[in-house]
Amino acid sequence: MKESNKLGNEDDLLQRHKQEKKDLHSKIQSLKKSVPKGDKKKEKEVAEQISQLEKDLEDRHKSELLPYQASNSLDESEDKSYINVETSNDEIVENGTKSDLVENPRVSRAQRRRDKKASEEKLREERILEQAERNKVGPKAMEMSSIKEVLKEMGLTLYDIAADGNCLYCAVSHQLEVNNQESHSVIKLRKLTANFMRENKNDFIPFMYKDSGEPVCESYFEKYCKDVASTKIWGGQLELKALANILKCPIKVIQANSPPTILGEDFSGPELILTYHRHLYRLGEHYNSTMYMNSDN
């Protein structure tokens, strides 16, 4: 029989999966909005990225549900075994061979629980090993290797930034410190970005679209700017463009298998160098910062 504590765990998992799907949907909307109008190459790249995000999330959800599916099958098997043993014992008693029961004892509930736990642990370990093998040659490892190779040629090394929705702003803040520029907190950078976008809305609205493909209206744009200032909504090229103008510094973004993207290349301030990762985390793109090799900063 299924145990109530396992059911609770499975319900929690399903609830988390539901929330992650909602988060991914919001992320996909943000990605679509970041595509400049008429940029077919960027549109294709974003479509491929969205497809990969959806596949990764679906694969992970299936993997996380596997132990519960196995447990359900094990429960059914154990229940049938229990019934068969009881029926067999009844038949033996009727036939006058009651002593044979000692040779075929019924498995206790405690033992069934232990067997089920061992089976779940074995499946979990197998999945960890399989994932570790895939990671050695997967998109994440290949992307990271490519980015590190580019940085090495530039005399740079990767500086990890937390993946909490503020990665772009944290990376920019770190780059300001590395380049001995006046630094700003994430909160201040977000507010500066939102204000700049509002004040120059004609430079941003034409590059933002709804899921239907229609251009956004001013009320939608105003809400987006409000979210930029007050939430952990992801930042992208539009926000980088705003930050380059605010800080009067060019921002170079290193990515795998593509030339660097430079925002604000006409500014004379020190170049801020970030790295862009498509596959580092399952829910979408991530920005890291960089440092010069052997730097004490």
Protein backbone atom coordinates (compact mmCIF):
# COMPACT_ATOMS: atom_id res chain seq x y z
CA MET A 1 0.00 0.00 0.00
CA LYS A 2 1.18 3.61 -0.62
CA GLU A 3 2.36 5.53 2.42
CA SER A 4 1.00 8.99 3.28
CA ASN A 5 4.43 10.60 3.75
CA LYS A 6 5.49 9.53 0.23
CA LEU A 7 2.27 10.90 -1.20
CA GLY A 8 2.98 14.20 0.48
CA ASN A 9 6.45 14.34 -1.02
CA GLU A 10 5.11 13.58 -4.46
CA ASP A 11 2.45 16.28 -4.13
CA ASP A 12 5.16 18.79 -3.15
CA LEU A 13 7.20 17.77 -6.19
CA LEU A 14 4.24 18.17 -8.55
CA GLN A 15 3.49 21.58 -7.05
CA ARG A 16 7.12 22.66 -7.61
CA HIS A 17 6.97 21.40 -11.19
CA LYS A 18 3.86 23.51 -11.76
CA GLN A 19 5.62 26.63 -10.41
CA GLU A 20 8.75 25.95 -12.51
CA LYS A 21 6.58 25.72 -15.63
CA LYS A 22 5.09 29.12 -14.77
CA ASP A 23 8.57 30.56 -14.21
CA LEU A 24 9.74 29.15 -17.53
CA HIS A 25 6.72 30.65 -19.30
CA SER A 26 7.64 34.08 -17.89
CA LYS A 27 11.24 33.53 -18.94
CA ILE A 28 10.19 32.62 -22.48
CA GLN A 29 8.11 35.80 -22.69
CA SER A 30 11.15 37.84 -21.66
CA LEU A 31 13.30 36.10 -24.27
CA LYS A 32 10.82 36.81 -27.04
CA LYS A 33 10.66 40.46 -26.06
CA SER A 34 14.44 40.78 -26.28
CA VAL A 35 14.50 39.98 -30.02
CA PRO A 36 14.96 43.14 -32.12
CA LYS A 37 12.30 43.57 -34.78
CA GLY A 38 13.39 42.12 -38.10
CA ASP A 39 16.45 40.37 -36.64
CA LYS A 40 15.87 36.93 -38.14
CA LYS A 41 19.17 35.52 -36.83
CA LYS A 42 18.40 36.53 -33.26
CA GLU A 43 14.83 35.29 -33.64
CA LYS A 44 16.12 31.87 -34.73
CA GLU A 45 18.62 31.74 -31.86
CA VAL A 46 15.93 32.60 -29.32
CA ALA A 47 13.57 29.99 -30.80
CA GLU A 48 16.27 27.34 -30.45
CA GLN A 49 17.02 28.46 -26.91
CA ILE A 50 13.33 28.31 -25.95
CA SER A 51 13.06 24.82 -27.42
CA GLN A 52 16.10 23.69 -25.43
CA LEU A 53 14.74 25.23 -22.20
CA GLU A 54 11.42 23.46 -22.63
CA LYS A 55 13.13 20.15 -23.37
CA ASP A 56 15.50 20.44 -20.41
CA LEU A 57 12.66 21.23 -18.02
CA GLU A 58 10.52 18.38 -19.35
CA ASP A 59 13.42 15.90 -19.11
CA ARG A 60 14.22 16.96 -15.56
CA HIS A 61 10.59 16.68 -14.46
CA LYS A 62 10.35 13.18 -15.94
CA SER A 63 13.58 12.22 -14.19
CA GLU A 64 12.40 13.55 -10.82
CA LEU A 65 9.08 11.69 -11.10
CA LEU A 66 10.78 8.40 -11.96
CA PRO A 67 11.26 7.22 -8.33
CA TYR A 68 7.58 7.75 -7.58
CA GLN A 69 6.55 5.82 -10.68
CA ALA A 70 8.88 3.02 -9.65
CA SER A 71 7.47 3.12 -6.12
CA ASN A 72 3.93 2.89 -7.44
CA SER A 73 4.84 -0.16 -9.48
CA LEU A 74 6.61 -1.68 -6.47
CA ASP A 75 3.58 -1.01 -4.28
CA GLU A 76 1.27 -2.74 -6.73
CA SER A 77 3.62 -5.70 -6.97
CA GLU A 78 3.88 -5.98 -3.19
CA ASP A 79 0.11 -5.76 -2.77
CA LYS A 80 -0.41 -8.56 -5.27
CA SER A 81 2.29 -10.64 -3.57
CA TYR A 82 0.62 -10.10 -0.22
CA ILE A 83 -2.74 -11.23 -1.58
CA ASN A 84 -1.19 -14.28 -3.23
CA VAL A 85 0.55 -15.30 -0.03
CA GLU A 86 -2.65 -14.94 1.99
CA THR A 87 -4.64 -16.96 -0.57
CA SER A 88 -1.95 -19.64 -0.74
CA ASN A 89 -1.85 -19.91 3.05
CA ASP A 90 -5.62 -20.35 3.22
CA GLU A 91 -5.44 -23.15 0.67
CA ILE A 92 -2.63 -24.88 2.58
CA VAL A 93 -4.64 -24.78 5.82
CA GLU A 94 -7.64 -26.27 4.05
CA ASN A 95 -5.48 -29.07 2.67
CA GLY A 96 -4.12 -29.93 6.11
CA THR A 97 -0.51 -28.82 5.45
CA LYS A 98 -0.37 -25.92 7.85
CA SER A 99 3.27 -26.64 8.76
CA ASP A 100 4.36 -25.46 5.29
CA LEU A 101 3.53 -21.87 6.29
CA VAL A 102 6.80 -21.69 8.19
CA GLU A 103 8.71 -22.12 4.93
CA ASN A 104 6.84 -19.25 3.16
CA PRO A 105 6.53 -16.42 5.70
CA ARG A 106 4.71 -13.23 4.69
CA VAL A 107 6.95 -10.17 4.14
CA SER A 108 6.37 -7.61 6.89
CA ARG A 109 5.33 -4.02 6.18
CA ALA A 110 8.57 -2.76 7.71
CA GLN A 111 10.58 -4.92 5.33
CA ARG A 112 8.53 -3.73 2.36
CA ARG A 113 9.26 -0.15 3.38
CA ARG A 114 12.97 -0.88 3.63
CA ASP A 115 12.97 -2.60 0.24
CA LYS A 116 11.11 0.30 -1.34
CA LYS A 117 13.51 2.86 0.14
CA ALA A 118 16.50 0.86 -1.10
CA SER A 119 14.98 0.69 -4.58
CA GLU A 120 14.39 4.46 -4.66
CA GLU A 121 17.95 5.15 -3.48
CA LYS A 122 19.37 2.86 -6.16
CA LEU A 123 17.37 4.63 -8.87
CA ARG A 124 18.51 8.02 -7.59
CA GLU A 125 22.18 6.99 -7.64
CA GLU A 126 21.82 5.62 -11.16
CA ARG A 127 20.32 8.91 -12.36
CA ILE A 128 23.14 10.89 -10.74
CA LEU A 129 25.75 8.75 -12.47
CA GLU A 130 23.98 8.98 -15.82
CA GLN A 131 23.68 12.76 -15.55
CA ALA A 132 27.33 13.08 -14.59
CA GLU A 133 28.33 11.18 -17.73
CA ARG A 134 26.07 13.33 -19.92
CA ASN A 135 27.46 16.51 -18.37
CA LYS A 136 30.98 15.62 -19.50
CA VAL A 137 30.03 16.05 -23.15
CA GLY A 138 26.77 17.98 -22.84
CA PRO A 139 25.94 21.53 -23.99
CA LYS A 140 26.77 22.97 -20.57
CA ALA A 141 30.32 21.57 -20.50
CA MET A 142 31.00 22.43 -24.15
CA GLU A 143 29.74 25.99 -23.73
CA MET A 144 31.79 26.56 -20.58
CA SER A 145 34.94 25.16 -22.22
CA SER A 146 34.50 27.44 -25.25
CA ILE A 147 33.97 30.56 -23.12
CA LYS A 148 36.96 29.82 -20.89
CA GLU A 149 39.15 29.34 -23.96
CA VAL A 150 38.17 32.77 -25.30
CA LEU A 151 38.80 34.36 -21.90
CA LYS A 152 42.20 32.68 -21.63
CA GLU A 153 43.28 34.25 -24.92
CA MET A 154 42.26 37.63 -23.50
CA GLY A 155 44.18 37.05 -20.26
CA LEU A 156 40.92 36.77 -18.32
CA THR A 157 39.29 34.25 -16.04
CA LEU A 158 35.66 33.65 -15.11
CA TYR A 159 34.14 35.26 -12.01
CA ASP A 160 31.00 33.43 -10.85
CA ILE A 161 27.85 35.43 -10.18
CA ALA A 162 24.89 34.00 -8.24
CA ALA A 163 21.92 32.89 -10.36
CA ASP A 164 19.19 34.79 -8.52
CA GLY A 165 17.62 36.92 -11.27
CA ASN A 166 20.04 39.79 -10.60
CA CYS A 167 23.03 38.23 -12.37
CA LEU A 168 23.31 40.87 -15.12
CA TYR A 169 23.30 43.76 -12.64
CA CYS A 170 25.64 41.97 -10.21
CA ALA A 171 28.07 41.26 -13.06
CA VAL A 172 28.03 44.91 -14.16
CA SER A 173 28.55 46.07 -10.57
CA HIS A 174 31.53 43.74 -10.22
CA GLN A 175 33.02 44.99 -13.48
CA LEU A 176 32.82 48.57 -12.23
CA GLU A 177 34.81 47.55 -9.15
CA VAL A 178 37.37 45.61 -11.21
CA ASN A 179 37.90 48.67 -13.42
CA ASN A 180 38.18 51.04 -10.45
CA GLN A 181 35.00 52.86 -11.40
CA GLU A 182 32.29 54.16 -9.10
CA SER A 183 30.25 51.10 -8.26
CA HIS A 184 26.50 50.91 -7.67
CA SER A 185 24.30 48.46 -5.83
CA VAL A 186 22.00 46.14 -7.77
CA ILE A 187 18.98 48.11 -6.53
CA LYS A 188 20.44 51.39 -7.81
CA LEU A 189 21.45 49.88 -11.16
CA ARG A 190 17.93 48.54 -11.64
CA LYS A 191 16.36 51.91 -10.87
CA LEU A 192 18.79 53.73 -13.16
CA THR A 193 18.04 51.25 -15.94
CA ALA A 194 14.26 51.58 -15.56
CA ASN A 195 14.42 55.38 -15.50
CA PHE A 196 16.66 55.53 -18.58
CA MET A 197 14.32 53.24 -20.50
CA ARG A 198 11.32 55.39 -19.54
CA GLU A 199 13.08 58.60 -20.57
CA ASN A 200 14.11 57.06 -23.89
CA LYS A 201 11.12 54.85 -24.53
CA ASN A 202 11.19 55.47 -28.29
CA ASP A 203 14.57 53.70 -28.39
CA PHE A 204 13.19 50.61 -26.59
CA ILE A 205 9.47 50.13 -27.32
CA PRO A 206 10.05 49.28 -31.02
CA PHE A 207 12.15 46.27 -29.92
CA MET A 208 9.61 44.84 -27.51
CA TYR A 209 6.78 42.51 -28.54
CA LYS A 210 3.98 40.59 -26.93
CA ASP A 211 3.70 36.81 -27.25
CA SER A 212 1.28 37.34 -30.14
CA GLY A 213 3.99 39.23 -32.03
CA GLU A 214 2.26 42.58 -31.67
CA PRO A 215 4.23 45.65 -30.53
CA VAL A 216 3.77 46.58 -26.89
CA CYS A 217 1.71 49.57 -25.85
CA GLU A 218 2.90 52.32 -23.50
CA SER A 219 1.06 50.89 -20.49
CA TYR A 220 2.72 47.51 -21.03
CA PHE A 221 6.10 49.21 -21.39
CA GLU A 222 5.55 51.20 -18.20
CA LYS A 223 4.73 48.01 -16.27
CA TYR A 224 7.85 46.36 -17.67
CA CYS A 225 10.01 49.26 -16.51
CA LYS A 226 8.39 49.07 -13.08
CA ASP A 227 9.28 45.36 -12.90
CA VAL A 228 12.86 46.13 -13.93
CA ALA A 229 13.16 48.54 -11.00
CA SER A 230 11.38 46.55 -8.31
CA THR A 231 11.59 42.80 -9.09
CA LYS A 232 14.20 40.20 -10.03
CA ILE A 233 13.08 40.04 -13.66
CA TRP A 234 15.95 38.88 -15.90
CA GLY A 235 17.90 41.47 -17.84
CA GLY A 236 18.98 41.15 -21.46
CA GLN A 237 20.28 43.21 -24.36
CA LEU A 238 17.80 46.04 -23.83
CA GLU A 239 18.95 46.48 -20.24
CA LEU A 240 22.62 46.21 -21.28
CA LYS A 241 22.06 48.93 -23.87
CA ALA A 242 20.57 51.16 -21.17
CA LEU A 243 23.42 50.45 -18.73
CA ALA A 244 26.09 51.20 -21.35
CA ASN A 245 24.48 54.61 -21.91
CA ILE A 246 24.08 55.27 -18.19
CA LEU A 247 27.66 54.34 -17.29
CA LYS A 248 29.20 55.75 -20.51
CA CYS A 249 31.17 52.51 -20.87
CA PRO A 250 31.19 49.90 -23.63
CA ILE A 251 29.92 46.52 -22.44
CA LYS A 252 31.38 43.46 -24.16
CA VAL A 253 29.55 40.14 -23.81
CA ILE A 254 31.58 36.97 -24.45
CA GLN A 255 29.60 33.91 -25.56
CA ALA A 256 30.35 30.46 -26.92
CA ASN A 257 30.71 29.89 -30.67
CA SER A 258 29.80 33.48 -31.57
CA PRO A 259 31.66 36.79 -31.85
CA PRO A 260 31.42 39.03 -28.77
CA THR A 261 28.49 41.44 -28.61
CA ILE A 262 29.39 45.04 -27.78
CA LEU A 263 26.90 47.58 -26.45
CA GLY A 264 27.88 51.26 -26.31
CA GLU A 265 31.05 50.79 -28.35
CA ASP A 266 31.27 54.56 -29.02
CA PHE A 267 31.81 55.37 -25.35
CA SER A 268 35.36 55.98 -24.12
CA GLY A 269 34.95 54.55 -20.62
CA PRO A 270 36.67 51.31 -19.56
CA GLU A 271 35.31 48.20 -21.24
CA LEU A 272 33.11 46.07 -18.99
CA ILE A 273 33.44 42.38 -19.94
CA LEU A 274 30.69 39.89 -19.10
CA THR A 275 30.09 36.28 -20.17
CA TYR A 276 26.75 35.01 -21.43
CA HIS A 277 25.70 31.40 -20.80
CA ARG A 278 22.74 29.66 -22.43
CA HIS A 279 23.15 26.24 -20.81
CA LEU A 280 24.70 26.88 -17.39
CA TYR A 281 21.32 26.75 -15.63
CA ARG A 282 18.15 25.00 -16.70
CA LEU A 283 15.78 27.97 -16.50
CA GLY A 284 17.60 30.15 -18.99
CA GLU A 285 20.48 32.45 -19.72
CA HIS A 286 22.94 33.64 -17.12
CA TYR A 287 25.59 36.35 -16.96
CA ASN A 288 28.93 36.02 -15.19
CA SER A 289 31.68 38.58 -14.71
CA THR A 290 35.40 38.30 -15.50
CA MET A 291 38.73 39.13 -13.91
CA TYR A 292 42.27 39.48 -15.15
CA MET A 293 44.39 36.43 -14.40
CA ASN A 294 46.35 36.69 -11.14
CA SER A 295 44.23 39.69 -10.17
CA ASP A 296 44.02 40.44 -6.45
CA ASN A 297 40.59 42.04 -6.78
